Amino acid sequence: MELNGILALFNLGTGEIIAIVLVILLLFGGRKIPELMRGLGKGVKSFKQGMNEVEDELKKPLEDLDKKDNQ
């Protein structure tokens, strides 16, 4: 569903998507694309991990307050 929303935003059809994929293949070659995707995946994973760490740090003081109230 999210992909459909992105495609609707840019109003891309099947022909345009195929053309973009072909241009990317021509620019980077078939061997570089897996490396690029691997790097992109690692970046997304690192970003999510950082966001989870920030969320945990924000929740920690609230949990400490709850423990003090229960004592």
PDB file of N, CA and C in Angstrom:
ATOM      1  N   MET A   1       0.814  -1.185   0.000  1.00  0.00           N
ATOM      2  CA  MET A   1       0.000   0.000   0.000  1.00  0.00           C
ATOM      3  C   MET A   1       0.865   1.260   0.000  1.00  0.00           C
ATOM      4  N   GLU A   2       1.920   1.221   0.748  1.00  0.00           N
ATOM      5  CA  GLU A   2       2.779   2.394   0.837  1.00  0.00           C
ATOM      6  C   GLU A   2       3.419   2.689  -0.518  1.00  0.00           C
ATOM      7  N   LEU A   3       3.799   1.657  -1.246  1.00  0.00           N
ATOM      8  CA  LEU A   3       4.397   1.841  -2.561  1.00  0.00           C
ATOM      9  C   LEU A   3       3.402   2.490  -3.512  1.00  0.00           C
ATOM     10  N   ASN A   4       2.143   2.088  -3.421  1.00  0.00           N
ATOM     11  CA  ASN A   4       1.115   2.696  -4.271  1.00  0.00           C
ATOM     12  C   ASN A   4       0.975   4.176  -3.974  1.00  0.00           C
ATOM     13  N   GLY A   5       1.073   4.549  -2.713  1.00  0.00           N
ATOM     14  CA  GLY A   5       0.985   5.955  -2.340  1.00  0.00           C
ATOM     15  C   GLY A   5       2.144   6.750  -2.901  1.00  0.00           C
ATOM     16  N   ILE A   6       3.335   6.177  -2.852  1.00  0.00           N
ATOM     17  CA  ILE A   6       4.519   6.857  -3.392  1.00  0.00           C
ATOM     18  C   ILE A   6       4.387   7.003  -4.905  1.00  0.00           C
ATOM     19  N   LEU A   7       3.948   5.951  -5.564  1.00  0.00           N
ATOM     20  CA  LEU A   7       3.784   6.011  -7.015  1.00  0.00           C
ATOM     21  C   LEU A   7       2.709   7.016  -7.399  1.00  0.00           C
ATOM     22  N   ALA A   8       1.660   7.106  -6.615  1.00  0.00           N
ATOM     23  CA  ALA A   8       0.605   8.078  -6.902  1.00  0.00           C
ATOM     24  C   ALA A   8       1.120   9.497  -6.715  1.00  0.00           C
ATOM     25  N   LEU A   9       1.998   9.676  -5.748  1.00  0.00           N
ATOM     26  CA  LEU A   9       2.561  10.997  -5.493  1.00  0.00           C
ATOM     27  C   LEU A   9       3.341  11.491  -6.700  1.00  0.00           C
ATOM     28  N   PHE A  10       4.137  10.632  -7.285  1.00  0.00           N
ATOM     29  CA  PHE A  10       4.953  11.004  -8.437  1.00  0.00           C
ATOM     30  C   PHE A  10       4.247  10.709  -9.756  1.00  0.00           C
ATOM     31  N   ASN A  11       3.071  10.101  -9.689  1.00  0.00           N
ATOM     32  CA  ASN A  11       2.279   9.776 -10.861  1.00  0.00           C
ATOM     33  C   ASN A  11       3.090   8.952 -11.867  1.00  0.00           C
ATOM     34  N   LEU A  12       3.766   7.908 -11.366  1.00  0.00           N
ATOM     35  CA  LEU A  12       4.586   7.051 -12.212  1.00  0.00           C
ATOM     36  C   LEU A  12       3.783   5.837 -12.656  1.00  0.00           C
ATOM     37  N   GLY A  13       3.880   5.531 -13.935  1.00  0.00           N
ATOM     38  CA  GLY A  13       3.242   4.346 -14.466  1.00  0.00           C
ATOM     39  C   GLY A  13       4.264   3.234 -14.635  1.00  0.00           C
ATOM     40  N   THR A  14       3.829   2.118 -15.144  1.00  0.00           N
ATOM     41  CA  THR A  14       4.698   0.959 -15.331  1.00  0.00           C
ATOM     42  C   THR A  14       5.830   1.269 -16.303  1.00  0.00           C
ATOM     43  N   GLY A  15       5.527   1.951 -17.382  1.00  0.00           N
ATOM     44  CA  GLY A  15       6.549   2.281 -18.375  1.00  0.00           C
ATOM     45  C   GLY A  15       7.650   3.157 -17.804  1.00  0.00           C
ATOM     46  N   GLU A  16       7.269   4.134 -16.995  1.00  0.00           N
ATOM     47  CA  GLU A  16       8.266   5.019 -16.390  1.00  0.00           C
ATOM     48  C   GLU A  16       9.145   4.273 -15.394  1.00  0.00           C
ATOM     49  N   ILE A  17       8.528   3.377 -14.619  1.00  0.00           N
ATOM     50  CA  ILE A  17       9.304   2.601 -13.643  1.00  0.00           C
ATOM     51  C   ILE A  17      10.311   1.712 -14.350  1.00  0.00           C
ATOM     52  N   ILE A  18       9.892   1.071 -15.430  1.00  0.00           N
ATOM     53  CA  ILE A  18      10.806   0.215 -16.200  1.00  0.00           C
ATOM     54  C   ILE A  18      11.948   1.043 -16.771  1.00  0.00           C
ATOM     55  N   ALA A  19      11.646   2.233 -17.279  1.00  0.00           N
ATOM     56  CA  ALA A  19      12.689   3.104 -17.822  1.00  0.00           C
ATOM     57  C   ALA A  19      13.681   3.509 -16.738  1.00  0.00           C
ATOM     58  N   ILE A  20      13.189   3.829 -15.549  1.00  0.00           N
ATOM     59  CA  ILE A  20      14.081   4.210 -14.444  1.00  0.00           C
ATOM     60  C   ILE A  20      14.977   3.044 -14.051  1.00  0.00           C
ATOM     61  N   VAL A  21      14.408   1.851 -13.970  1.00  0.00           N
ATOM     62  CA  VAL A  21      15.206   0.664 -13.620  1.00  0.00           C
ATOM     63  C   VAL A  21      16.280   0.413 -14.675  1.00  0.00           C
ATOM     64  N   LEU A  22      15.938   0.557 -15.931  1.00  0.00           N
ATOM     65  CA  LEU A  22      16.916   0.348 -17.002  1.00  0.00           C
ATOM     66  C   LEU A  22      18.042   1.385 -16.941  1.00  0.00           C
ATOM     67  N   VAL A  23      17.705   2.623 -16.659  1.00  0.00           N
ATOM     68  CA  VAL A  23      18.732   3.667 -16.539  1.00  0.00           C
ATOM     69  C   VAL A  23      19.657   3.361 -15.363  1.00  0.00           C
ATOM     70  N   ILE A  24      19.091   2.926 -14.257  1.00  0.00           N
ATOM     71  CA  ILE A  24      19.921   2.574 -13.091  1.00  0.00           C
ATOM     72  C   ILE A  24      20.844   1.411 -13.435  1.00  0.00           C
ATOM     73  N   LEU A  25      20.317   0.422 -14.140  1.00  0.00           N
ATOM     74  CA  LEU A  25      21.159  -0.708 -14.562  1.00  0.00           C
ATOM     75  C   LEU A  25      22.292  -0.242 -15.469  1.00  0.00           C
ATOM     76  N   LEU A  26      21.998   0.656 -16.380  1.00  0.00           N
ATOM     77  CA  LEU A  26      23.037   1.158 -17.282  1.00  0.00           C
ATOM     78  C   LEU A  26      24.088   1.976 -16.541  1.00  0.00           C
ATOM     79  N   LEU A  27      23.659   2.774 -15.575  1.00  0.00           N
ATOM     80  CA  LEU A  27      24.595   3.621 -14.844  1.00  0.00           C
ATOM     81  C   LEU A  27      25.500   2.831 -13.897  1.00  0.00           C
ATOM     82  N   PHE A  28      24.905   1.918 -13.159  1.00  0.00           N
ATOM     83  CA  PHE A  28      25.664   1.234 -12.114  1.00  0.00           C
ATOM     84  C   PHE A  28      26.103  -0.160 -12.499  1.00  0.00           C
ATOM     85  N   GLY A  29      25.460  -0.779 -13.438  1.00  0.00           N
ATOM     86  CA  GLY A  29      25.807  -2.142 -13.821  1.00  0.00           C
ATOM     87  C   GLY A  29      25.163  -3.149 -12.887  1.00  0.00           C
ATOM     88  N   GLY A  30      25.076  -4.359 -13.352  1.00  0.00           N
ATOM     89  CA  GLY A  30      24.422  -5.414 -12.588  1.00  0.00           C
ATOM     90  C   GLY A  30      25.167  -5.832 -11.341  1.00  0.00           C
ATOM     91  N   ARG A  31      26.466  -5.639 -11.315  1.00  0.00           N
ATOM     92  CA  ARG A  31      27.250  -6.098 -10.160  1.00  0.00           C
ATOM     93  C   ARG A  31      27.245  -5.090  -9.020  1.00  0.00           C
ATOM     94  N   LYS A  32      27.088  -3.835  -9.314  1.00  0.00           N
ATOM     95  CA  LYS A  32      27.115  -2.801  -8.275  1.00  0.00           C
ATOM     96  C   LYS A  32      25.789  -2.672  -7.539  1.00  0.00           C
ATOM     97  N   ILE A  33      24.696  -3.016  -8.180  1.00  0.00           N
ATOM     98  CA  ILE A  33      23.384  -2.815  -7.579  1.00  0.00           C
ATOM     99  C   ILE A  33      23.217  -3.608  -6.275  1.00  0.00           C
ATOM    100  N   PRO A  34      23.605  -4.895  -6.211  1.00  0.00           N
ATOM    101  CA  PRO A  34      23.486  -5.586  -4.916  1.00  0.00           C
ATOM    102  C   PRO A  34      24.307  -4.917  -3.810  1.00  0.00           C
ATOM    103  N   GLU A  35      25.482  -4.397  -4.159  1.00  0.00           N
ATOM    104  CA  GLU A  35      26.296  -3.699  -3.165  1.00  0.00           C
ATOM    105  C   GLU A  35      25.593  -2.434  -2.690  1.00  0.00           C
ATOM    106  N   LEU A  36      25.002  -1.694  -3.623  1.00  0.00           N
ATOM    107  CA  LEU A  36      24.273  -0.483  -3.259  1.00  0.00           C
ATOM    108  C   LEU A  36      23.076  -0.802  -2.371  1.00  0.00           C
ATOM    109  N   MET A  37      22.342  -1.850  -2.716  1.00  0.00           N
ATOM    110  CA  MET A  37      21.174  -2.230  -1.925  1.00  0.00           C
ATOM    111  C   MET A  37      21.578  -2.711  -0.539  1.00  0.00           C
ATOM    112  N   ARG A  38      22.687  -3.444  -0.467  1.00  0.00           N
ATOM    113  CA  ARG A  38      23.191  -3.914   0.819  1.00  0.00           C
ATOM    114  C   ARG A  38      23.551  -2.724   1.710  1.00  0.00           C
ATOM    115  N   GLY A  39      24.227  -1.747   1.133  1.00  0.00           N
ATOM    116  CA  GLY A  39      24.575  -0.543   1.879  1.00  0.00           C
ATOM    117  C   GLY A  39      23.339   0.229   2.322  1.00  0.00           C
ATOM    118  N   LEU A  40      22.357   0.307   1.445  1.00  0.00           N
ATOM    119  CA  LEU A  40      21.110   0.982   1.787  1.00  0.00           C
ATOM    120  C   LEU A  40      20.399   0.250   2.929  1.00  0.00           C
ATOM    121  N   GLY A  41      20.382  -1.073   2.868  1.00  0.00           N
ATOM    122  CA  GLY A  41      19.761  -1.870   3.935  1.00  0.00           C
ATOM    123  C   GLY A  41      20.457  -1.668   5.271  1.00  0.00           C
ATOM    124  N   LYS A  42      21.784  -1.635   5.255  1.00  0.00           N
ATOM    125  CA  LYS A  42      22.529  -1.403   6.490  1.00  0.00           C
ATOM    126  C   LYS A  42      22.247  -0.019   7.050  1.00  0.00           C
ATOM    127  N   GLY A  43      22.116   0.957   6.161  1.00  0.00           N
ATOM    128  CA  GLY A  43      21.805   2.313   6.599  1.00  0.00           C
ATOM    129  C   GLY A  43      20.433   2.406   7.242  1.00  0.00           C
ATOM    130  N   VAL A  44      19.449   1.749   6.637  1.00  0.00           N
ATOM    131  CA  VAL A  44      18.094   1.754   7.191  1.00  0.00           C
ATOM    132  C   VAL A  44      18.075   1.038   8.536  1.00  0.00           C
ATOM    133  N   LYS A  45      18.786  -0.087   8.622  1.00  0.00           N
ATOM    134  CA  LYS A  45      18.849  -0.834   9.884  1.00  0.00           C
ATOM    135  C   LYS A  45      19.487   0.016  10.978  1.00  0.00           C
ATOM    136  N   SER A  46      20.552   0.700  10.648  1.00  0.00           N
ATOM    137  CA  SER A  46      21.230   1.560  11.613  1.00  0.00           C
ATOM    138  C   SER A  46      20.321   2.705  12.048  1.00  0.00           C
ATOM    139  N   PHE A  47      19.591   3.285  11.120  1.00  0.00           N
ATOM    140  CA  PHE A  47      18.665   4.369  11.436  1.00  0.00           C
ATOM    141  C   PHE A  47      17.573   3.895  12.387  1.00  0.00           C
ATOM    142  N   LYS A  48      16.995   2.717  12.103  1.00  0.00           N
ATOM    143  CA  LYS A  48      15.946   2.179  12.967  1.00  0.00           C
ATOM    144  C   LYS A  48      16.489   1.879  14.355  1.00  0.00           C
ATOM    145  N   GLN A  49      17.708   1.339  14.412  1.00  0.00           N
ATOM    146  CA  GLN A  49      18.331   1.044  15.705  1.00  0.00           C
ATOM    147  C   GLN A  49      18.528   2.338  16.496  1.00  0.00           C
ATOM    148  N   GLY A  50      18.978   3.380  15.843  1.00  0.00           N
ATOM    149  CA  GLY A  50      19.161   4.674  16.501  1.00  0.00           C
ATOM    150  C   GLY A  50      17.844   5.235  16.999  1.00  0.00           C
ATOM    151  N   MET A  51      16.797   5.099  16.204  1.00  0.00           N
ATOM    152  CA  MET A  51      15.479   5.588  16.622  1.00  0.00           C
ATOM    153  C   MET A  51      14.976   4.812  17.836  1.00  0.00           C
ATOM    154  N   ASN A  52      15.200   3.497  17.856  1.00  0.00           N
ATOM    155  CA  ASN A  52      14.791   2.684  19.004  1.00  0.00           C
ATOM    156  C   ASN A  52      15.562   3.078  20.251  1.00  0.00           C
ATOM    157  N   GLU A  53      16.848   3.379  20.105  1.00  0.00           N
ATOM    158  CA  GLU A  53      17.655   3.795  21.247  1.00  0.00           C
ATOM    159  C   GLU A  53      17.147   5.124  21.811  1.00  0.00           C
ATOM    160  N   VAL A  54      16.804   6.047  20.941  1.00  0.00           N
ATOM    161  CA  VAL A  54      16.271   7.332  21.391  1.00  0.00           C
ATOM    162  C   VAL A  54      14.941   7.125  22.113  1.00  0.00           C
ATOM    163  N   GLU A  55      14.095   6.273  21.552  1.00  0.00           N
ATOM    164  CA  GLU A  55      12.802   5.996  22.168  1.00  0.00           C
ATOM    165  C   GLU A  55      12.983   5.368  23.546  1.00  0.00           C
ATOM    166  N   ASP A  56      13.936   4.436  23.666  1.00  0.00           N
ATOM    167  CA  ASP A  56      14.209   3.804  24.957  1.00  0.00           C
ATOM    168  C   ASP A  56      14.711   4.826  25.971  1.00  0.00           C
ATOM    169  N   GLU A  57      15.558   5.732  25.531  1.00  0.00           N
ATOM    170  CA  GLU A  57      16.081   6.762  26.431  1.00  0.00           C
ATOM    171  C   GLU A  57      14.973   7.697  26.903  1.00  0.00           C
ATOM    172  N   LEU A  58      13.997   7.967  26.033  1.00  0.00           N
ATOM    173  CA  LEU A  58      12.888   8.824  26.419  1.00  0.00           C
ATOM    174  C   LEU A  58      11.923   8.124  27.374  1.00  0.00           C
ATOM    175  N   LYS A  59      11.758   6.807  27.227  1.00  0.00           N
ATOM    176  CA  LYS A  59      10.852   6.050  28.077  1.00  0.00           C
ATOM    177  C   LYS A  59      11.461   5.744  29.443  1.00  0.00           C
ATOM    178  N   LYS A  60      12.780   5.690  29.516  1.00  0.00           N
ATOM    179  CA  LYS A  60      13.459   5.297  30.749  1.00  0.00           C
ATOM    180  C   LYS A  60      13.096   6.193  31.931  1.00  0.00           C
ATOM    181  N   PRO A  61      13.129   7.524  31.817  1.00  0.00           N
ATOM    182  CA  PRO A  61      12.758   8.351  32.972  1.00  0.00           C
ATOM    183  C   PRO A  61      11.310   8.130  33.420  1.00  0.00           C
ATOM    184  N   LEU A  62      10.407   7.875  32.479  1.00  0.00           N
ATOM    185  CA  LEU A  62       9.016   7.622  32.836  1.00  0.00           C
ATOM    186  C   LEU A  62       8.872   6.324  33.614  1.00  0.00           C
ATOM    187  N   GLU A  63       9.613   5.301  33.219  1.00  0.00           N
ATOM    188  CA  GLU A  63       9.576   4.023  33.936  1.00  0.00           C
ATOM    189  C   GLU A  63      10.162   4.181  35.333  1.00  0.00           C
ATOM    190  N   ASP A  64      11.215   4.982  35.463  1.00  0.00           N
ATOM    191  CA  ASP A  64      11.799   5.215  36.775  1.00  0.00           C
ATOM    192  C   ASP A  64      10.821   5.935  37.691  1.00  0.00           C
ATOM    193  N   LEU A  65      10.046   6.881  37.135  1.00  0.00           N
ATOM    194  CA  LEU A  65       9.041   7.582  37.936  1.00  0.00           C
ATOM    195  C   LEU A  65       7.948   6.632  38.387  1.00  0.00           C
ATOM    196  N   ASP A  66       7.533   5.719  37.524  1.00  0.00           N
ATOM    197  CA  ASP A  66       6.510   4.744  37.876  1.00  0.00           C
ATOM    198  C   ASP A  66       6.997   3.832  39.003  1.00  0.00           C
ATOM    199  N   LYS A  67       8.259   3.433  38.972  1.00  0.00           N
ATOM    200  CA  LYS A  67       8.812   2.569  40.018  1.00  0.00           C
ATOM    201  C   LYS A  67       8.852   3.287  41.355  1.00  0.00           C
ATOM    202  N   LYS A  68       9.201   4.581  41.333  1.00  0.00           N
ATOM    203  CA  LYS A  68       9.255   5.360  42.573  1.00  0.00           C
ATOM    204  C   LYS A  68       7.875   5.558  43.156  1.00  0.00           C
ATOM    205  N   ASP A  69       6.867   5.743  42.293  1.00  0.00           N
ATOM    206  CA  ASP A  69       5.493   5.930  42.763  1.00  0.00           C
ATOM    207  C   ASP A  69       4.944   4.658  43.402  1.00  0.00           C
ATOM    208  N   ASN A  70       5.354   3.501  42.898  1.00  0.00           N
ATOM    209  CA  ASN A  70       4.858   2.219  43.414  1.00  0.00           C
ATOM    210  C   ASN A  70       5.505   1.851  44.751  1.00  0.00           C
ATOM    211  N   GLN A  71       6.608   2.441  45.090  1.00  0.00           N
ATOM    212  CA  GLN A  71       7.301   2.077  46.343  1.00  0.00           C
ATOM    213  C   GLN A  71       6.732   2.775  47.493  1.00  0.00           C
TER     214      GLN A  71
END
